Amino acid sequence: MPTTYRILILGASYGSLLGIKLTLAGHTVHLVCLPAEADLINREGAIVRMPVKGRDGLVEINSQRLPGTLAAGGTTAFQPADYDLVALAMQEPQYRVPGVRELCFP
C-alpha cells in the first residue's frame, strides 16, 4: 500500500494544477482560497484542462474523479500543523491579507 499524505496548498488559482496532480497520486489535498472559490470547488471539483502530446484538444481532469480527495476552504478552515506538506501557491501581495498572513507566519 503506497503512503498517502495530507497536503495544504495556500492559493487555489496557482495551486489547482499541483492539487490535481497530488490528488491523482491518491493524496488528500486542501486548498485555501476565497469563500466563493471554495464553494465552487467543493461543489463541482477542481477542473484543469491541459494539452497532452499526441492528443487533439485539451484533456480535462476533474478532482472528483481521482483516487485522492481534494477540498477547499477559507483561511480559518485549516491548520498548517495538521499537514505533512504545506505549499505556498499565491502571489506575493496576498501574503499580507489577514488570515493568510497568520497561516504563513503564526
N, C-alpha and C. Protein backbone atom coordinates (compact mmCIF):
# COMPACT_ATOMS: atom_id res chain seq x y z
N MET A 1 0.85 -1.18 0.00
CA MET A 1 0.00 0.00 0.00
C MET A 1 0.90 1.24 0.00
N PRO A 2 0.74 2.14 -0.96
CA PRO A 2 1.57 3.35 -1.00
C PRO A 2 1.22 4.31 0.12
N THR A 3 2.19 5.09 0.52
CA THR A 3 1.97 6.11 1.55
C THR A 3 1.19 7.26 0.95
N THR A 4 0.21 7.75 1.68
CA THR A 4 -0.51 8.94 1.25
C THR A 4 -0.26 10.05 2.26
N TYR A 5 -0.31 11.27 1.77
CA TYR A 5 0.00 12.42 2.60
C TYR A 5 -1.17 13.40 2.61
N ARG A 6 -1.20 14.22 3.66
CA ARG A 6 -2.15 15.33 3.78
C ARG A 6 -1.39 16.59 3.38
N ILE A 7 -1.91 17.28 2.39
CA ILE A 7 -1.20 18.43 1.83
C ILE A 7 -2.12 19.64 1.82
N LEU A 8 -1.60 20.75 2.30
CA LEU A 8 -2.32 22.02 2.31
C LEU A 8 -1.67 22.94 1.29
N ILE A 9 -2.48 23.51 0.39
CA ILE A 9 -1.98 24.43 -0.61
C ILE A 9 -2.67 25.77 -0.40
N LEU A 10 -1.87 26.82 -0.14
CA LEU A 10 -2.42 28.16 0.02
C LEU A 10 -2.48 28.81 -1.35
N GLY A 11 -3.68 28.97 -1.88
CA GLY A 11 -3.88 29.57 -3.19
C GLY A 11 -4.45 28.58 -4.18
N ALA A 12 -5.71 28.77 -4.56
CA ALA A 12 -6.35 27.83 -5.47
C ALA A 12 -6.04 28.12 -6.93
N SER A 13 -5.86 29.38 -7.30
CA SER A 13 -5.60 29.67 -8.72
C SER A 13 -4.32 29.00 -9.18
N TYR A 14 -3.21 29.30 -8.51
CA TYR A 14 -1.93 28.70 -8.87
C TYR A 14 -1.82 27.27 -8.33
N GLY A 15 -2.50 26.97 -7.26
CA GLY A 15 -2.35 25.67 -6.61
C GLY A 15 -3.20 24.56 -7.18
N SER A 16 -4.16 24.88 -8.04
CA SER A 16 -5.07 23.84 -8.55
C SER A 16 -4.35 22.76 -9.35
N LEU A 17 -3.41 23.13 -10.21
CA LEU A 17 -2.70 22.13 -11.00
C LEU A 17 -1.91 21.20 -10.09
N LEU A 18 -1.18 21.76 -9.14
CA LEU A 18 -0.44 20.93 -8.18
C LEU A 18 -1.41 20.06 -7.39
N GLY A 19 -2.52 20.65 -6.95
CA GLY A 19 -3.52 19.90 -6.18
C GLY A 19 -4.09 18.73 -6.97
N ILE A 20 -4.40 18.97 -8.24
CA ILE A 20 -4.92 17.90 -9.11
C ILE A 20 -3.90 16.77 -9.25
N LYS A 21 -2.64 17.13 -9.48
CA LYS A 21 -1.61 16.10 -9.65
C LYS A 21 -1.42 15.29 -8.38
N LEU A 22 -1.47 15.94 -7.23
CA LEU A 22 -1.33 15.22 -5.96
C LEU A 22 -2.55 14.36 -5.67
N THR A 23 -3.72 14.84 -6.03
CA THR A 23 -4.95 14.06 -5.87
C THR A 23 -4.93 12.85 -6.80
N LEU A 24 -4.41 13.04 -8.00
CA LEU A 24 -4.26 11.94 -8.96
C LEU A 24 -3.37 10.84 -8.37
N ALA A 25 -2.39 11.22 -7.56
CA ALA A 25 -1.49 10.26 -6.92
C ALA A 25 -2.08 9.65 -5.65
N GLY A 26 -3.33 10.06 -5.29
CA GLY A 26 -4.01 9.44 -4.15
C GLY A 26 -3.90 10.18 -2.84
N HIS A 27 -3.32 11.36 -2.83
CA HIS A 27 -3.15 12.12 -1.60
C HIS A 27 -4.40 12.93 -1.25
N THR A 28 -4.47 13.39 -0.01
CA THR A 28 -5.54 14.27 0.45
C THR A 28 -5.03 15.69 0.36
N VAL A 29 -5.73 16.54 -0.39
CA VAL A 29 -5.30 17.91 -0.64
C VAL A 29 -6.39 18.88 -0.20
N HIS A 30 -5.99 19.92 0.49
CA HIS A 30 -6.90 21.01 0.85
C HIS A 30 -6.33 22.31 0.29
N LEU A 31 -7.19 23.07 -0.38
CA LEU A 31 -6.82 24.36 -0.94
C LEU A 31 -7.38 25.48 -0.08
N VAL A 32 -6.56 26.47 0.24
CA VAL A 32 -7.03 27.66 0.95
C VAL A 32 -7.31 28.72 -0.11
N CYS A 33 -8.55 29.23 -0.10
CA CYS A 33 -8.95 30.20 -1.11
C CYS A 33 -10.11 31.04 -0.61
N LEU A 34 -10.63 31.90 -1.46
CA LEU A 34 -11.76 32.74 -1.11
C LEU A 34 -13.03 31.89 -0.97
N PRO A 35 -13.98 32.34 -0.16
CA PRO A 35 -15.19 31.54 0.08
C PRO A 35 -15.95 31.12 -1.19
N ALA A 36 -16.11 32.04 -2.14
CA ALA A 36 -16.83 31.69 -3.38
C ALA A 36 -16.08 30.61 -4.16
N GLU A 37 -14.75 30.70 -4.20
CA GLU A 37 -13.95 29.66 -4.87
C GLU A 37 -14.09 28.33 -4.15
N ALA A 38 -14.03 28.36 -2.82
CA ALA A 38 -14.14 27.13 -2.03
C ALA A 38 -15.49 26.46 -2.27
N ASP A 39 -16.57 27.24 -2.28
CA ASP A 39 -17.90 26.67 -2.52
C ASP A 39 -17.96 25.98 -3.88
N LEU A 40 -17.42 26.63 -4.91
CA LEU A 40 -17.43 26.07 -6.26
C LEU A 40 -16.60 24.80 -6.34
N ILE A 41 -15.40 24.82 -5.77
CA ILE A 41 -14.52 23.64 -5.80
C ILE A 41 -15.15 22.49 -5.04
N ASN A 42 -15.72 22.76 -3.88
CA ASN A 42 -16.34 21.69 -3.08
C ASN A 42 -17.59 21.13 -3.75
N ARG A 43 -18.28 21.95 -4.52
CA ARG A 43 -19.50 21.52 -5.20
C ARG A 43 -19.19 20.78 -6.51
N GLU A 44 -18.29 21.33 -7.33
CA GLU A 44 -18.06 20.79 -8.67
C GLU A 44 -16.69 20.16 -8.88
N GLY A 45 -15.81 20.28 -7.89
CA GLY A 45 -14.45 19.78 -8.02
C GLY A 45 -13.56 20.81 -8.68
N ALA A 46 -12.27 20.63 -8.55
CA ALA A 46 -11.31 21.47 -9.27
C ALA A 46 -11.14 20.84 -10.64
N ILE A 47 -11.21 21.67 -11.66
CA ILE A 47 -11.11 21.17 -13.04
C ILE A 47 -9.92 21.84 -13.72
N VAL A 48 -9.06 21.02 -14.29
CA VAL A 48 -7.89 21.51 -15.02
C VAL A 48 -7.98 20.97 -16.45
N ARG A 49 -7.77 21.85 -17.40
CA ARG A 49 -7.73 21.46 -18.81
C ARG A 49 -6.33 21.75 -19.33
N MET A 50 -5.71 20.75 -19.96
CA MET A 50 -4.34 20.95 -20.45
C MET A 50 -4.09 20.12 -21.70
N PRO A 51 -3.15 20.60 -22.52
CA PRO A 51 -2.80 19.82 -23.72
C PRO A 51 -1.96 18.60 -23.32
N VAL A 52 -2.13 17.54 -24.08
CA VAL A 52 -1.34 16.33 -23.88
C VAL A 52 -0.78 15.92 -25.24
N LYS A 53 0.51 15.71 -25.27
CA LYS A 53 1.19 15.36 -26.53
C LYS A 53 0.53 14.12 -27.14
N GLY A 54 0.25 14.22 -28.43
CA GLY A 54 -0.35 13.10 -29.14
C GLY A 54 -1.86 13.07 -29.12
N ARG A 55 -2.49 14.04 -28.45
CA ARG A 55 -3.95 14.10 -28.39
C ARG A 55 -4.43 15.43 -28.95
N ASP A 56 -5.57 15.39 -29.60
CA ASP A 56 -6.17 16.61 -30.10
C ASP A 56 -6.94 17.30 -28.97
N GLY A 57 -6.92 18.60 -28.97
CA GLY A 57 -7.67 19.37 -27.98
C GLY A 57 -7.06 19.27 -26.60
N LEU A 58 -7.85 19.64 -25.62
CA LEU A 58 -7.41 19.63 -24.23
C LEU A 58 -7.98 18.44 -23.49
N VAL A 59 -7.21 17.91 -22.56
CA VAL A 59 -7.68 16.84 -21.68
C VAL A 59 -8.19 17.50 -20.40
N GLU A 60 -9.39 17.12 -19.99
CA GLU A 60 -9.98 17.68 -18.78
C GLU A 60 -9.86 16.69 -17.63
N ILE A 61 -9.36 17.19 -16.50
CA ILE A 61 -9.23 16.36 -15.31
C ILE A 61 -10.04 17.02 -14.20
N ASN A 62 -10.98 16.27 -13.62
CA ASN A 62 -11.81 16.76 -12.53
C ASN A 62 -11.40 16.04 -11.25
N SER A 63 -11.13 16.79 -10.20
CA SER A 63 -10.66 16.21 -8.94
C SER A 63 -11.65 15.21 -8.34
N GLN A 64 -12.92 15.33 -8.67
CA GLN A 64 -13.92 14.43 -8.10
C GLN A 64 -13.84 13.02 -8.68
N ARG A 65 -13.08 12.85 -9.75
CA ARG A 65 -12.96 11.54 -10.39
C ARG A 65 -11.59 10.90 -10.16
N LEU A 66 -10.87 11.40 -9.18
CA LEU A 66 -9.49 10.93 -8.95
C LEU A 66 -9.42 10.09 -7.68
N PRO A 67 -8.35 9.30 -7.51
CA PRO A 67 -8.25 8.42 -6.35
C PRO A 67 -8.07 9.14 -5.01
N GLY A 68 -7.47 10.32 -5.00
CA GLY A 68 -7.32 11.08 -3.76
C GLY A 68 -8.53 11.97 -3.52
N THR A 69 -8.43 12.83 -2.53
CA THR A 69 -9.53 13.76 -2.26
C THR A 69 -9.00 15.18 -2.28
N LEU A 70 -9.82 16.09 -2.77
CA LEU A 70 -9.48 17.50 -2.81
C LEU A 70 -10.68 18.29 -2.29
N ALA A 71 -10.41 19.19 -1.35
CA ALA A 71 -11.45 20.05 -0.79
C ALA A 71 -10.85 21.44 -0.62
N ALA A 72 -11.72 22.41 -0.43
CA ALA A 72 -11.26 23.79 -0.30
C ALA A 72 -11.97 24.48 0.86
N GLY A 73 -11.33 25.52 1.38
CA GLY A 73 -11.91 26.30 2.45
C GLY A 73 -11.17 27.61 2.61
N GLY A 74 -11.68 28.43 3.50
CA GLY A 74 -11.06 29.73 3.76
C GLY A 74 -9.88 29.61 4.71
N THR A 75 -9.36 30.75 5.10
CA THR A 75 -8.14 30.77 5.92
C THR A 75 -8.32 30.20 7.32
N THR A 76 -9.55 30.13 7.81
CA THR A 76 -9.77 29.59 9.16
C THR A 76 -10.16 28.12 9.14
N ALA A 77 -10.27 27.52 7.97
CA ALA A 77 -10.74 26.13 7.85
C ALA A 77 -9.66 25.09 8.15
N PHE A 78 -8.39 25.49 8.05
CA PHE A 78 -7.31 24.51 8.16
C PHE A 78 -6.19 25.04 9.05
N GLN A 79 -5.47 24.12 9.69
CA GLN A 79 -4.30 24.45 10.50
C GLN A 79 -3.07 23.80 9.86
N PRO A 80 -2.09 24.58 9.44
CA PRO A 80 -0.91 24.01 8.77
C PRO A 80 -0.23 22.88 9.55
N ALA A 81 -0.26 22.92 10.87
CA ALA A 81 0.40 21.89 11.68
C ALA A 81 -0.23 20.50 11.48
N ASP A 82 -1.44 20.44 10.92
CA ASP A 82 -2.13 19.17 10.71
C ASP A 82 -1.71 18.47 9.42
N TYR A 83 -0.78 19.05 8.67
CA TYR A 83 -0.43 18.54 7.34
C TYR A 83 1.01 18.07 7.27
N ASP A 84 1.24 17.16 6.33
CA ASP A 84 2.59 16.66 6.09
C ASP A 84 3.39 17.62 5.21
N LEU A 85 2.70 18.39 4.38
CA LEU A 85 3.34 19.33 3.48
C LEU A 85 2.42 20.53 3.29
N VAL A 86 3.00 21.73 3.32
CA VAL A 86 2.25 22.96 3.04
C VAL A 86 2.95 23.65 1.88
N ALA A 87 2.17 24.00 0.85
CA ALA A 87 2.72 24.67 -0.33
C ALA A 87 2.12 26.07 -0.44
N LEU A 88 2.95 27.02 -0.72
CA LEU A 88 2.52 28.40 -0.92
C LEU A 88 2.41 28.64 -2.41
N ALA A 89 1.19 28.86 -2.90
CA ALA A 89 0.95 28.98 -4.34
C ALA A 89 0.08 30.20 -4.62
N MET A 90 0.56 31.36 -4.19
CA MET A 90 -0.18 32.60 -4.42
C MET A 90 0.79 33.73 -4.69
N GLN A 91 0.26 34.81 -5.21
CA GLN A 91 1.09 35.96 -5.48
C GLN A 91 1.52 36.63 -4.19
N GLU A 92 2.69 37.22 -4.21
CA GLU A 92 3.27 37.83 -3.01
C GLU A 92 2.36 38.84 -2.31
N PRO A 93 1.62 39.72 -3.01
CA PRO A 93 0.76 40.67 -2.29
C PRO A 93 -0.31 40.01 -1.42
N GLN A 94 -0.69 38.78 -1.73
CA GLN A 94 -1.71 38.10 -0.94
C GLN A 94 -1.20 37.65 0.42
N TYR A 95 0.11 37.57 0.61
CA TYR A 95 0.67 37.11 1.87
C TYR A 95 0.25 38.00 3.04
N ARG A 96 0.04 39.30 2.78
CA ARG A 96 -0.27 40.22 3.87
C ARG A 96 -1.76 40.30 4.20
N VAL A 97 -2.60 39.60 3.44
CA VAL A 97 -4.04 39.61 3.69
C VAL A 97 -4.30 38.95 5.05
N PRO A 98 -5.13 39.59 5.90
CA PRO A 98 -5.44 38.96 7.18
C PRO A 98 -5.96 37.54 6.99
N GLY A 99 -5.52 36.65 7.79
CA GLY A 99 -5.86 35.24 7.67
C GLY A 99 -4.75 34.49 6.95
N VAL A 100 -4.34 34.97 5.79
CA VAL A 100 -3.22 34.34 5.06
C VAL A 100 -1.94 34.59 5.81
N ARG A 101 -1.74 35.82 6.25
CA ARG A 101 -0.52 36.17 6.99
C ARG A 101 -0.37 35.27 8.22
N GLU A 102 -1.45 35.02 8.92
CA GLU A 102 -1.38 34.18 10.13
C GLU A 102 -1.08 32.72 9.79
N LEU A 103 -1.55 32.25 8.64
CA LEU A 103 -1.22 30.88 8.25
C LEU A 103 0.25 30.74 7.88
N CYS A 104 0.79 31.78 7.23
CA CYS A 104 2.19 31.73 6.80
C CYS A 104 3.17 32.00 7.93
N PHE A 105 2.79 32.92 8.82
CA PHE A 105 3.70 33.36 9.88
C PHE A 105 2.97 33.33 11.21
N PRO A 106 2.76 32.13 11.76
CA PRO A 106 1.99 32.02 13.02
C PRO A 106 2.70 32.64 14.21
